[in-house]
Amino acid sequence: MKKINLLLVIIALLTLSVVSCKKDTVTPTPTPLAFTGLSHNLKGVIKGVMKQDTTYYLVDNVTINKGDTLTIQPGAIVKSNGNFSFNVSGNFICVGTDAKPIILTTSFASPVLGFGYWGGIQADSNALNVQIKYTHIDWTGGPAADLSTQAAIDIEGTQAHDYGAKIIIENNWFFGSVDDGIHLAGQIHVSIKRNVMQHLGGPDGESMNIKSGVMGDIAYNYVWAAANNCVKLSTGSSLPQVAMNIFNNTFINGGWRKVGEFTNGILIDKNAVANIYNNILVGCRNGINITSKADYANCKVGNNLVYAINDSLFINVFPGKIAASATDITGSGIAKCNTVFTKWDQNVDIVNPIFSDINVPSLAANSPAKGKGTTTLAGSTKLSNYYTITGATSDVLNADMGAYTTDNYGNKHLPSSAQGVK
């Protein structure tokens, strides 16, 4: 989480008339509210089932206690009336369907980019089962009690009991958060797959920010116009180590809103390790950066396509300790970038205007990414495959690069030009 400008905080307070409490400051009540369909105004300690095709409102922060479960059924809509959060110490099962996605958003009538309207999903070390699938999560990033902005999904796991938490974040849509889209830290296993992540952060924030101890897969995701890094891995000064498989993702035009910092499509830093295969990065400010602080000796990279938007940035397609391999495809310039997708928008977001994602990231008929992926994961000695997470999708690498493969195996959801879901 990042510190935000004091003026922005004052505007947020005046506009929303309330500041959220951090999850560890909420005092549970003895008897949680179990939903029976009678109350649609959510506050305090809750558990039970939020029914399908029903609209609910956050009228204050809500808490799911340790050992309790909140289930949100397909087609449910949750609108936050202010800067409120789901604070999760128990189990959070938010699973929609393709036909009936769940919507988590603000009730503010006319949301705009660059402003956090509600606090998102904030989970702690007791949250051992968090499943979020087929869910729209829009307009998050409202400030916490310490005035730091909040990620759309923030799971701070410190489990010492054999990686106790299983986190599944698959087939979701994220739009307009002013901080990280997904922020994870702790000894947890995670599956982050087939998500559409549009215009997250402003002017800071990673789309996926993965820290100490997390292990798992980041695959078949689409990220457009990230403020900072599309993916960042960092263990910091303490163990356990971050270890991720990052494959078949598509990252477009990321890193242009962060000022004063070297942004990347993929950043592997501070004792982190990763397998990085079959990804497409087009128009990002910088490409795949495995720094000298990373566990670079155990990182494996290959079969990625990285095109810089202009020739002056070509030196930064692989700016770190590991250079492009013989199987990676690199290049620069508008003409090359235009060859990859059905449609690529060359406009990048530098001054945070309100504009739409008009990219069509399916592969062009003669795309250089077609048939250039690897189907074999050459794992490092420190990193294995984490497809065994109960409830997670078991995925393999594809013969094509990127999230949208020609055999329709990858991400099934092309990005929307809409400014979030209301």
Protein backbone atom coordinates (compact mmCIF):
# COMPACT_ATOMS: atom_id res chain seq x y z
CA MET A 1 0.00 0.00 0.00
CA LYS A 2 1.17 3.48 -0.79
CA LYS A 3 0.89 6.91 0.76
CA ILE A 4 -1.41 9.25 -1.12
CA ASN A 5 -1.35 13.02 -1.51
CA LEU A 6 -2.88 14.87 1.45
CA LEU A 7 -5.07 16.99 -0.81
CA LEU A 8 -6.50 13.84 -2.39
CA VAL A 9 -7.28 12.49 1.07
CA ILE A 10 -9.11 15.68 2.04
CA ILE A 11 -11.16 15.53 -1.17
CA ALA A 12 -11.93 11.89 -0.51
CA LEU A 13 -13.10 12.66 3.03
CA LEU A 14 -15.34 15.52 1.91
CA THR A 15 -16.82 13.56 -0.98
CA LEU A 16 -17.44 10.28 0.80
CA SER A 17 -18.01 11.72 4.31
CA VAL A 18 -16.39 8.71 5.88
CA VAL A 19 -13.00 7.04 6.14
CA SER A 20 -12.79 3.27 6.45
CA CYS A 21 -11.30 1.53 9.45
CA LYS A 22 -8.46 -0.87 8.90
CA LYS A 23 -9.39 -4.52 9.22
CA ASP A 24 -7.49 -5.01 12.46
CA THR A 25 -9.36 -2.16 14.17
CA VAL A 26 -12.86 -3.56 13.62
CA THR A 27 -14.35 -4.88 16.88
CA PRO A 28 -16.49 -7.98 16.21
CA THR A 29 -19.91 -8.28 17.75
CA PRO A 30 -20.75 -11.54 19.58
CA THR A 31 -23.38 -12.74 17.10
CA PRO A 32 -22.70 -12.38 13.38
CA LEU A 33 -25.55 -11.57 11.03
CA ALA A 34 -26.45 -14.61 8.93
CA PHE A 35 -28.24 -13.55 5.76
CA THR A 36 -31.79 -14.74 5.32
CA GLY A 37 -32.74 -12.42 2.49
CA LEU A 38 -34.34 -9.89 4.87
CA SER A 39 -31.54 -7.34 5.19
CA HIS A 40 -29.64 -5.97 2.21
CA ASN A 41 -27.71 -3.30 4.12
CA LEU A 42 -24.38 -4.79 5.17
CA LYS A 43 -22.40 -3.74 8.23
CA GLY A 44 -20.62 -5.23 11.21
CA VAL A 45 -19.84 -8.93 11.54
CA ILE A 46 -21.54 -11.12 8.97
CA LYS A 47 -21.60 -14.69 7.70
CA GLY A 48 -23.87 -16.92 5.65
CA VAL A 49 -25.13 -16.58 2.08
CA MET A 50 -25.76 -13.48 -0.01
CA LYS A 51 -28.36 -14.65 -2.47
CA GLN A 52 -28.10 -14.72 -6.23
CA ASP A 53 -29.53 -11.93 -8.39
CA THR A 54 -29.91 -9.68 -5.33
CA THR A 55 -28.49 -6.20 -4.74
CA TYR A 56 -26.79 -5.42 -1.42
CA TYR A 57 -25.23 -2.23 -0.06
CA LEU A 58 -22.19 -1.72 2.14
CA VAL A 59 -23.29 0.88 4.68
CA ASP A 60 -20.23 0.35 6.89
CA ASN A 61 -17.21 -1.93 7.08
CA VAL A 62 -18.08 -5.61 7.32
CA THR A 63 -16.06 -8.41 8.95
CA ILE A 64 -16.06 -12.17 8.41
CA ASN A 65 -14.72 -13.70 11.63
CA LYS A 66 -12.17 -16.49 11.88
CA GLY A 67 -13.87 -19.80 11.15
CA ASP A 68 -16.95 -18.17 9.60
CA THR A 69 -17.82 -18.22 5.90
CA LEU A 70 -19.45 -15.62 3.70
CA THR A 71 -20.68 -16.92 0.34
CA ILE A 72 -21.76 -14.57 -2.44
CA GLN A 73 -23.87 -16.31 -5.07
CA PRO A 74 -23.86 -15.71 -8.86
CA GLY A 75 -25.58 -12.56 -10.06
CA ALA A 76 -25.35 -10.77 -6.72
CA ILE A 77 -24.49 -7.05 -6.81
CA VAL A 78 -22.78 -5.25 -3.94
CA LYS A 79 -22.57 -1.45 -4.01
CA SER A 80 -20.60 0.40 -1.39
CA ASN A 81 -22.26 3.57 -0.08
CA GLY A 82 -18.92 4.93 1.09
CA ASN A 83 -15.31 4.03 1.74
CA PHE A 84 -16.07 0.61 3.24
CA SER A 85 -14.38 -2.80 2.95
CA PHE A 86 -14.88 -6.52 3.29
CA ASN A 87 -12.50 -7.39 6.16
CA VAL A 88 -11.88 -11.12 6.01
CA SER A 89 -10.56 -13.27 8.85
CA GLY A 90 -12.61 -16.30 7.84
CA ASN A 91 -13.59 -17.79 4.49
CA PHE A 92 -14.69 -15.62 1.57
CA ILE A 93 -16.35 -17.47 -1.30
CA CYS A 94 -17.28 -15.01 -4.05
CA VAL A 95 -17.94 -17.23 -7.05
CA GLY A 96 -20.09 -16.11 -9.95
CA THR A 97 -20.47 -17.65 -13.38
CA ASP A 98 -19.76 -16.45 -16.89
CA ALA A 99 -23.49 -15.93 -17.44
CA LYS A 100 -24.07 -14.43 -13.98
CA PRO A 101 -20.98 -12.62 -12.73
CA ILE A 102 -20.90 -10.98 -9.31
CA ILE A 103 -20.43 -7.21 -9.21
CA LEU A 104 -18.58 -5.40 -6.39
CA THR A 105 -18.57 -1.66 -7.01
CA THR A 106 -19.42 1.79 -5.70
CA SER A 107 -22.90 3.25 -5.48
CA PHE A 108 -21.47 6.66 -6.40
CA ALA A 109 -23.35 7.84 -9.48
CA SER A 110 -20.48 9.05 -11.68
CA PRO A 111 -17.10 7.57 -10.68
CA VAL A 112 -13.99 8.92 -12.36
CA LEU A 113 -10.46 7.59 -12.78
CA GLY A 114 -7.86 8.45 -10.16
CA PHE A 115 -10.17 8.34 -7.15
CA GLY A 116 -10.72 5.47 -4.68
CA TYR A 117 -14.38 5.03 -3.80
CA TRP A 118 -14.30 1.97 -1.51
CA GLY A 119 -11.82 -0.28 0.26
CA GLY A 120 -12.12 -3.60 -1.57
CA ILE A 121 -11.38 -6.99 0.01
CA GLN A 122 -8.89 -6.93 2.89
CA ALA A 123 -7.93 -10.32 4.33
CA ASP A 124 -5.58 -11.28 7.17
CA SER A 125 -3.62 -14.36 8.23
CA ASN A 126 -6.69 -16.23 9.45
CA ALA A 127 -8.31 -16.20 5.99
CA LEU A 128 -7.45 -19.69 4.82
CA ASN A 129 -9.94 -19.99 1.96
CA VAL A 130 -10.47 -17.04 -0.36
CA GLN A 131 -12.04 -17.81 -3.73
CA ILE A 132 -12.94 -14.97 -6.09
CA LYS A 133 -14.16 -16.02 -9.53
CA TYR A 134 -16.25 -14.40 -12.26
CA THR A 135 -16.48 -11.15 -10.29
CA HIS A 136 -16.22 -7.51 -11.35
CA ILE A 137 -14.21 -5.47 -8.82
CA ASP A 138 -14.29 -1.78 -9.73
CA TRP A 139 -13.33 1.64 -8.33
CA THR A 140 -11.41 0.48 -5.25
CA GLY A 141 -8.52 2.16 -3.42
CA GLY A 142 -10.30 4.24 -0.79
CA PRO A 143 -7.92 5.19 2.05
CA ALA A 144 -7.46 3.11 5.18
CA ALA A 145 -7.26 4.58 8.67
CA ASP A 146 -3.57 5.43 8.19
CA LEU A 147 -4.52 7.32 4.98
CA SER A 148 -2.79 4.77 2.72
CA THR A 149 -4.72 3.61 -0.31
CA GLN A 150 -5.96 0.02 -0.37
CA ALA A 151 -5.59 -2.70 -2.98
CA ALA A 152 -8.67 -4.15 -4.62
CA ILE A 153 -7.70 -7.52 -3.09
CA ASP A 154 -5.19 -7.44 -0.24
CA ILE A 155 -4.28 -10.68 1.55
CA GLU A 156 -1.66 -10.31 4.27
CA GLY A 157 -0.91 -13.92 5.20
CA THR A 158 1.64 -14.74 7.89
CA GLN A 159 0.71 -18.41 8.28
CA ALA A 160 3.49 -20.52 9.72
CA HIS A 161 1.48 -23.73 9.34
CA ASP A 162 2.62 -25.23 6.05
CA TYR A 163 1.31 -22.58 3.68
CA GLY A 164 -2.17 -22.81 5.13
CA ALA A 165 -3.99 -20.32 2.93
CA LYS A 166 -5.27 -21.29 -0.51
CA ILE A 167 -6.14 -18.27 -2.63
CA ILE A 168 -7.90 -18.54 -5.98
CA ILE A 169 -8.41 -15.41 -8.11
CA GLU A 170 -9.63 -16.50 -11.53
CA ASN A 171 -11.77 -15.18 -14.40
CA ASN A 172 -12.38 -11.76 -12.85
CA TRP A 173 -12.52 -8.19 -14.14
CA PHE A 174 -10.73 -5.31 -12.38
CA PHE A 175 -11.14 -1.66 -13.30
CA GLY A 176 -10.12 1.72 -11.95
CA SER A 177 -8.42 0.94 -8.63
CA VAL A 178 -6.05 3.70 -7.49
CA ASP A 179 -3.65 1.21 -5.92
CA ASP A 180 -2.66 -2.41 -6.52
CA GLY A 181 -5.17 -4.70 -8.13
CA ILE A 182 -3.92 -7.77 -6.23
CA HIS A 183 -1.53 -7.45 -3.27
CA LEU A 184 -0.43 -10.70 -1.59
CA ALA A 185 2.10 -11.31 1.17
CA GLY A 186 2.78 -14.36 3.31
CA GLN A 187 3.05 -18.12 3.20
CA ILE A 188 0.16 -18.79 0.84
CA HIS A 189 -0.46 -20.65 -2.40
CA VAL A 190 -2.26 -18.74 -5.12
CA SER A 191 -3.77 -19.20 -8.55
CA ILE A 192 -4.15 -15.90 -10.47
CA LYS A 193 -5.52 -16.79 -13.89
CA ARG A 194 -7.63 -15.48 -16.78
CA ASN A 195 -8.31 -12.09 -15.21
CA VAL A 196 -8.90 -8.84 -17.15
CA MET A 197 -7.16 -5.94 -15.36
CA GLN A 198 -7.70 -2.48 -16.82
CA HIS A 199 -6.24 0.87 -15.74
CA LEU A 200 -5.16 -0.06 -12.21
CA GLY A 201 -3.13 2.33 -10.07
CA GLY A 202 -2.97 6.04 -10.29
CA PRO A 203 -0.30 7.30 -10.33
CA ASP A 204 1.20 4.37 -8.38
CA GLY A 205 0.26 0.75 -7.88
CA GLU A 206 1.07 -2.60 -9.44
CA SER A 207 -1.58 -4.67 -11.13
CA MET A 208 -0.18 -7.71 -9.28
CA ASN A 209 2.11 -7.11 -6.30
CA ILE A 210 3.39 -10.39 -4.84
CA LYS A 211 5.56 -10.42 -1.71
CA SER A 212 7.28 -12.62 0.86
CA GLY A 213 6.38 -16.31 0.85
CA VAL A 214 3.73 -16.47 -1.88
CA MET A 215 3.95 -19.38 -4.32
CA GLY A 216 1.81 -20.26 -7.32
CA ASP A 217 0.79 -19.35 -10.85
CA ILE A 218 0.09 -16.13 -12.76
CA ALA A 219 -1.29 -17.20 -16.13
CA TYR A 220 -3.51 -16.12 -19.03
CA ASN A 221 -4.14 -12.66 -17.55
CA TYR A 222 -4.70 -9.47 -19.57
CA VAL A 223 -3.32 -6.21 -18.15
CA TRP A 224 -3.78 -2.82 -19.81
CA ALA A 225 -2.43 0.59 -18.77
CA ALA A 226 -0.92 -0.38 -15.43
CA ALA A 227 0.32 2.65 -13.52
CA ASN A 228 3.49 0.90 -12.35
CA ASN A 229 4.57 -2.71 -12.90
CA CYS A 230 2.12 -5.20 -14.37
CA VAL A 231 3.66 -7.89 -12.13
CA LYS A 232 6.10 -7.35 -9.28
CA LEU A 233 7.70 -10.10 -7.18
CA SER A 234 9.75 -9.17 -4.12
CA THR A 235 10.74 -11.17 -1.04
CA GLY A 236 12.44 -8.33 0.78
CA SER A 237 15.04 -8.94 3.45
CA SER A 238 13.29 -11.88 5.10
CA LEU A 239 12.32 -15.36 3.97
CA PRO A 240 10.34 -17.37 2.90
CA GLN A 241 10.93 -16.70 -0.77
CA VAL A 242 8.43 -15.60 -3.41
CA ALA A 243 8.31 -18.23 -6.17
CA MET A 244 5.91 -17.94 -9.13
CA ASN A 245 5.23 -19.41 -12.53
CA ILE A 246 4.40 -16.49 -14.87
CA PHE A 247 3.19 -17.71 -18.25
CA ASN A 248 0.90 -16.87 -21.18
CA ASN A 249 -0.01 -13.37 -20.02
CA THR A 250 -0.65 -10.31 -22.22
CA PHE A 251 0.55 -6.92 -20.95
CA ILE A 252 -0.19 -3.80 -23.00
CA ASN A 253 0.96 -0.16 -22.59
CA GLY A 254 1.92 -0.43 -18.92
CA GLY A 255 4.06 1.75 -16.70
CA TRP A 256 3.50 5.22 -18.13
CA ARG A 257 1.80 6.94 -15.19
CA LYS A 258 4.44 6.25 -12.54
CA VAL A 259 6.76 9.25 -12.18
CA GLY A 260 10.33 8.96 -10.93
CA GLU A 261 10.55 5.18 -10.89
CA PHE A 262 11.75 2.58 -13.40
CA THR A 263 8.56 0.69 -14.27
CA ASN A 264 8.36 -2.73 -15.90
CA GLY A 265 6.00 -5.16 -17.46
CA ILE A 266 7.46 -7.89 -15.22
CA LEU A 267 9.76 -7.06 -12.30
CA ILE A 268 11.53 -9.83 -10.36
CA ASP A 269 13.32 -8.26 -7.40
CA LYS A 270 14.76 -8.87 -3.92
CA ASN A 271 15.35 -12.62 -3.60
CA ALA A 272 12.32 -13.60 -5.68
CA VAL A 273 12.40 -16.42 -8.22
CA ALA A 274 10.20 -17.13 -11.25
CA ASN A 275 9.64 -19.14 -14.40
CA ILE A 276 8.69 -16.63 -17.13
CA TYR A 277 7.42 -18.14 -20.37
CA ASN A 278 5.07 -17.38 -23.27
CA ASN A 279 4.21 -13.81 -22.21
CA ILE A 280 3.50 -10.90 -24.58
CA LEU A 281 4.53 -7.37 -23.60
CA VAL A 282 3.70 -4.65 -26.13
CA GLY A 283 4.06 -0.90 -25.57
CA CYS A 284 5.12 -1.16 -21.93
CA ARG A 285 7.57 1.44 -20.70
CA ASN A 286 10.09 -1.33 -19.95
CA GLY A 287 9.98 -5.08 -20.43
CA ILE A 288 11.10 -8.07 -18.31
CA ASN A 289 13.45 -6.92 -15.55
CA ILE A 290 15.13 -9.57 -13.37
CA THR A 291 17.33 -7.48 -11.11
CA SER A 292 20.67 -8.31 -9.51
CA LYS A 293 18.82 -8.50 -6.18
CA ALA A 294 16.60 -11.33 -7.41
CA ASP A 295 17.43 -15.03 -7.15
CA TYR A 296 18.37 -14.69 -10.81
CA ALA A 297 20.46 -17.87 -10.91
CA ASN A 298 17.28 -19.90 -10.46
CA CYS A 299 15.01 -17.81 -12.71
CA LYS A 300 14.09 -19.33 -16.07
CA VAL A 301 13.02 -17.20 -19.05
CA GLY A 302 12.05 -18.06 -22.60
CA ASN A 303 9.53 -17.78 -25.44
CA ASN A 304 8.38 -14.26 -24.54
CA LEU A 305 7.57 -11.49 -27.03
CA VAL A 306 8.64 -8.01 -25.86
CA TYR A 307 8.15 -5.03 -28.19
CA ALA A 308 9.02 -1.50 -27.09
CA ILE A 309 6.81 1.31 -28.35
CA ASN A 310 9.78 3.22 -29.83
CA ASP A 311 13.37 2.51 -30.75
CA SER A 312 14.80 4.52 -27.86
CA LEU A 313 13.28 2.04 -25.40
CA PHE A 314 14.59 -1.09 -27.09
CA ILE A 315 17.52 -1.23 -24.66
CA ASN A 316 14.97 -1.72 -21.89
CA VAL A 317 13.09 -4.74 -23.25
CA PHE A 318 15.29 -6.92 -20.98
CA PRO A 319 17.01 -4.31 -18.80
CA GLY A 320 18.04 -6.51 -15.86
CA LYS A 321 20.49 -9.24 -14.95
CA ILE A 322 19.07 -11.75 -17.46
CA ALA A 323 19.06 -10.86 -21.14
CA ALA A 324 16.67 -12.16 -23.78
CA SER A 325 17.14 -15.83 -24.63
CA ALA A 326 17.33 -17.30 -28.12
CA THR A 327 13.63 -18.19 -27.94
CA ASP A 328 12.48 -14.70 -26.91
CA ILE A 329 11.26 -12.30 -29.62
CA THR A 330 12.21 -8.66 -29.16
CA GLY A 331 11.79 -5.50 -31.21
CA SER A 332 10.66 -1.90 -31.17
CA GLY A 333 8.61 0.65 -33.01
CA ILE A 334 4.98 1.28 -33.89
CA ALA A 335 5.13 -0.94 -36.98
CA LYS A 336 6.27 -4.03 -35.05
CA CYS A 337 3.80 -3.44 -32.23
CA ASN A 338 1.00 -3.31 -34.79
CA THR A 339 1.76 -6.83 -36.02
CA VAL A 340 0.92 -8.71 -32.82
CA PHE A 341 -2.81 -8.29 -32.14
CA THR A 342 -6.04 -7.94 -34.03
CA LYS A 343 -5.97 -4.29 -32.87
CA TRP A 344 -3.39 -2.41 -30.80
CA ASP A 345 -3.90 1.13 -29.52
CA GLN A 346 -0.61 3.03 -29.57
CA ASN A 347 -1.84 5.71 -27.15
CA VAL A 348 -0.32 5.44 -23.69
CA ASP A 349 -1.68 7.04 -20.53
CA ILE A 350 0.86 9.57 -19.26
CA VAL A 351 -1.33 12.30 -17.78
CA ASN A 352 -4.24 10.08 -16.70
CA PRO A 353 -6.92 11.17 -19.16
CA ILE A 354 -10.26 9.40 -19.24
CA PHE A 355 -10.07 7.09 -22.21
CA SER A 356 -11.18 3.60 -23.12
CA ASP A 357 -9.40 0.34 -23.78
CA ILE A 358 -9.94 -0.22 -27.49
CA ASN A 359 -7.35 -2.98 -27.85
CA VAL A 360 -8.40 -6.32 -29.30
CA PRO A 361 -5.59 -8.57 -28.00
CA SER A 362 -6.49 -11.74 -29.87
CA LEU A 363 -3.58 -12.69 -32.10
CA ALA A 364 -3.48 -11.26 -35.62
CA ALA A 365 -3.55 -13.70 -38.53
CA ASN A 366 0.19 -13.32 -39.10
CA SER A 367 1.15 -12.51 -35.51
CA PRO A 368 4.77 -13.27 -34.63
CA ALA A 369 3.45 -14.77 -31.35
CA LYS A 370 1.52 -17.56 -33.08
CA GLY A 371 3.09 -20.98 -32.60
CA LYS A 372 6.12 -19.52 -30.80
CA GLY A 373 5.23 -20.57 -27.26
CA THR A 374 6.71 -23.51 -25.40
CA THR A 375 4.58 -26.27 -23.90
CA THR A 376 7.29 -27.41 -21.50
CA LEU A 377 7.94 -25.65 -18.19
CA ALA A 378 11.68 -25.89 -17.53
CA GLY A 379 11.34 -25.28 -13.81
CA SER A 380 14.15 -24.22 -11.52
CA THR A 381 15.39 -26.30 -8.63
CA LYS A 382 13.53 -24.01 -6.21
CA LEU A 383 10.21 -23.78 -8.02
CA SER A 384 7.67 -26.47 -8.81
CA ASN A 385 4.16 -26.44 -10.20
CA TYR A 386 1.25 -25.42 -7.98
CA TYR A 387 -1.66 -26.74 -10.01
CA THR A 388 -2.75 -28.81 -7.00
CA ILE A 389 -4.60 -26.00 -5.22
CA THR A 390 -8.06 -27.37 -4.51
CA GLY A 391 -10.59 -25.59 -6.71
CA ALA A 392 -8.01 -23.91 -8.92
CA THR A 393 -7.86 -24.33 -12.68
CA SER A 394 -5.16 -26.73 -13.86
CA ASP A 395 -3.43 -24.99 -16.75
CA VAL A 396 -0.59 -25.81 -19.09
CA LEU A 397 1.57 -23.66 -21.32
CA ASN A 398 0.33 -23.07 -24.84
CA ALA A 399 1.92 -23.37 -28.28
CA ASP A 400 0.96 -19.71 -28.77
CA MET A 401 2.25 -16.81 -26.70
CA GLY A 402 -0.04 -14.55 -24.69
CA ALA A 403 -3.37 -14.83 -22.91
CA TYR A 404 -5.55 -15.16 -26.02
CA THR A 405 -4.46 -18.28 -27.86
CA THR A 406 -5.74 -19.34 -31.26
CA ASP A 407 -7.06 -22.65 -29.90
CA ASN A 408 -9.32 -20.65 -27.50
CA TYR A 409 -7.72 -22.36 -24.53
CA GLY A 410 -6.64 -19.17 -22.83
CA ASN A 411 -8.54 -16.15 -21.49
CA LYS A 412 -12.13 -16.25 -22.76
CA HIS A 413 -12.89 -12.61 -21.92
CA LEU A 414 -11.72 -9.91 -24.28
CA PRO A 415 -11.34 -6.51 -22.57
CA SER A 416 -14.28 -4.16 -22.47
CA SER A 417 -14.10 -0.53 -23.53
CA ALA A 418 -16.57 0.37 -20.75
CA GLN A 419 -15.29 2.48 -17.88
CA GLY A 420 -15.98 -0.12 -15.23
CA VAL A 421 -19.26 -1.80 -14.34
CA LYS A 422 -22.14 -0.04 -12.58
